[in-house]
Protein backbone atom coordinates (compact mmCIF):
# COMPACT_ATOMS: atom_id res chain seq x y z
CA VAL A 1 93.44 56.99 117.11
CA TYR A 2 95.95 54.19 117.58
CA LYS A 3 96.04 53.29 121.29
CA ARG A 4 98.75 50.63 121.44
CA GLN A 5 102.39 51.42 121.00
CA ARG A 6 103.41 50.42 117.49
CA THR A 7 105.72 47.47 117.10
CA SER A 8 108.25 47.55 114.29
CA LYS A 9 107.53 44.96 111.61
CA ASP A 10 110.68 42.96 112.34
CA LYS A 11 109.52 42.49 115.96
CA ARG A 12 105.92 41.40 115.19
CA TYR A 13 106.38 37.78 116.16
CA CYS A 14 103.47 35.40 115.73
CA LYS A 15 102.09 34.46 119.12
CA PHE A 16 101.01 31.04 117.84
CA CYS A 17 104.13 29.89 116.01
CA LYS A 18 107.03 29.12 118.29
CA ASN A 19 109.71 29.66 115.66
CA GLU A 20 109.76 33.46 115.91
CA SER A 21 107.94 33.88 112.60
CA ILE A 22 107.18 37.47 111.76
CA GLU A 23 103.41 37.87 111.68
CA ASP A 24 102.89 39.71 108.44
CA GLU A 25 100.08 39.32 105.91
CA MET A 26 101.76 36.45 104.14
CA HIS A 27 102.37 34.53 107.36
CA PHE A 28 98.78 35.14 108.47
CA VAL A 29 97.24 33.93 105.21
CA LEU A 30 99.65 31.12 104.27
CA ASN A 31 101.72 29.85 107.17
CA CYS A 32 100.33 30.35 110.66
CA LYS A 33 99.59 26.99 112.26
CA MET A 34 96.68 28.41 114.25
CA TYR A 35 94.65 29.04 111.11
CA ARG A 36 95.41 25.77 109.30
CA SER A 37 91.79 24.54 109.16
CA LYS A 38 90.44 27.98 108.23
CA ARG A 39 93.11 28.26 105.52
CA GLN A 40 92.21 24.86 104.10
CA LYS A 41 88.59 25.96 103.81
CA LEU A 42 89.71 29.15 102.03
CA PHE A 43 91.98 27.21 99.69
CA ASN A 44 89.23 24.71 98.87
CA THR A 45 86.86 27.54 98.01
CA ILE A 46 89.41 29.18 95.74
CA GLN A 47 90.40 25.84 94.22
CA ASN A 48 86.76 25.44 93.16
CA LYS A 49 87.07 28.71 91.25
CA ASN A 50 90.51 28.01 89.78
CA GLU A 51 91.55 24.41 89.26
CA ASN A 52 95.22 25.44 88.94
CA PHE A 53 95.35 27.09 92.37
CA SER A 54 96.90 24.04 94.05
CA LYS A 55 99.76 24.09 91.54
CA LEU A 56 100.84 27.60 92.52
CA ASP A 57 103.74 28.17 94.89
CA LYS A 58 103.11 30.05 98.12
CA MET A 59 103.90 33.50 96.77
CA GLU A 60 101.71 32.92 93.72
CA LYS A 61 98.86 31.73 95.96
CA PHE A 62 99.18 34.80 98.14
CA LEU A 63 99.15 37.11 95.14
CA TYR A 64 96.23 35.26 93.56
CA ILE A 65 94.18 35.46 96.76
CA MET A 66 94.91 39.12 97.38
CA GLN A 67 94.85 40.36 93.80
CA TYR A 68 91.49 39.31 92.41
CA GLN A 69 88.20 40.96 93.33
CA SER A 70 86.48 37.59 92.95
CA ASN A 71 88.33 36.41 96.09
CA MET A 72 87.35 39.40 98.24
CA ASP A 73 84.42 37.78 100.04
CA ASP A 74 86.46 34.62 100.64
CA ILE A 75 89.46 36.40 102.14
CA LEU A 76 87.22 38.66 104.24
CA SER A 77 85.44 35.59 105.61
CA PHE A 78 88.80 33.96 106.37
CA VAL A 79 90.03 37.06 108.23
CA ALA A 80 86.78 37.29 110.22
CA GLN A 81 86.98 33.61 111.22
CA CYS A 82 90.62 33.98 112.25
CA SER A 83 89.80 37.12 114.22
CA GLU A 84 87.14 35.21 116.16
CA LEU A 85 89.64 32.46 116.86
CA ARG A 86 92.20 35.00 118.09
CA LYS A 87 89.61 36.50 120.46
CA LYS A 88 89.33 33.13 122.16
CA PHE A 89 93.00 33.46 123.04
CA ASP A 90 92.69 37.15 123.92
CA LEU A 91 95.34 38.16 121.39
CA VAL A 92 93.47 40.80 119.39
């Protein structure tokens, strides 16, 4: 059961970025300033698996991260770490 009132996607502003960025999956994984250090750790881990990762543009990185089963544990760890960080700011 969903307890909060749903917010339309175009109104889901990131609470950390002051530029009214829409907080969607791509923003969460690639752009949100709050998760910069967590993202760098994720990118380093994936870079160790694929030396060409750093050469990909943002959309290609997002698709690569989300598409391959071999990245599942890494992205799940990233999401868990970010979730813990969000809890510190009471934004979950």
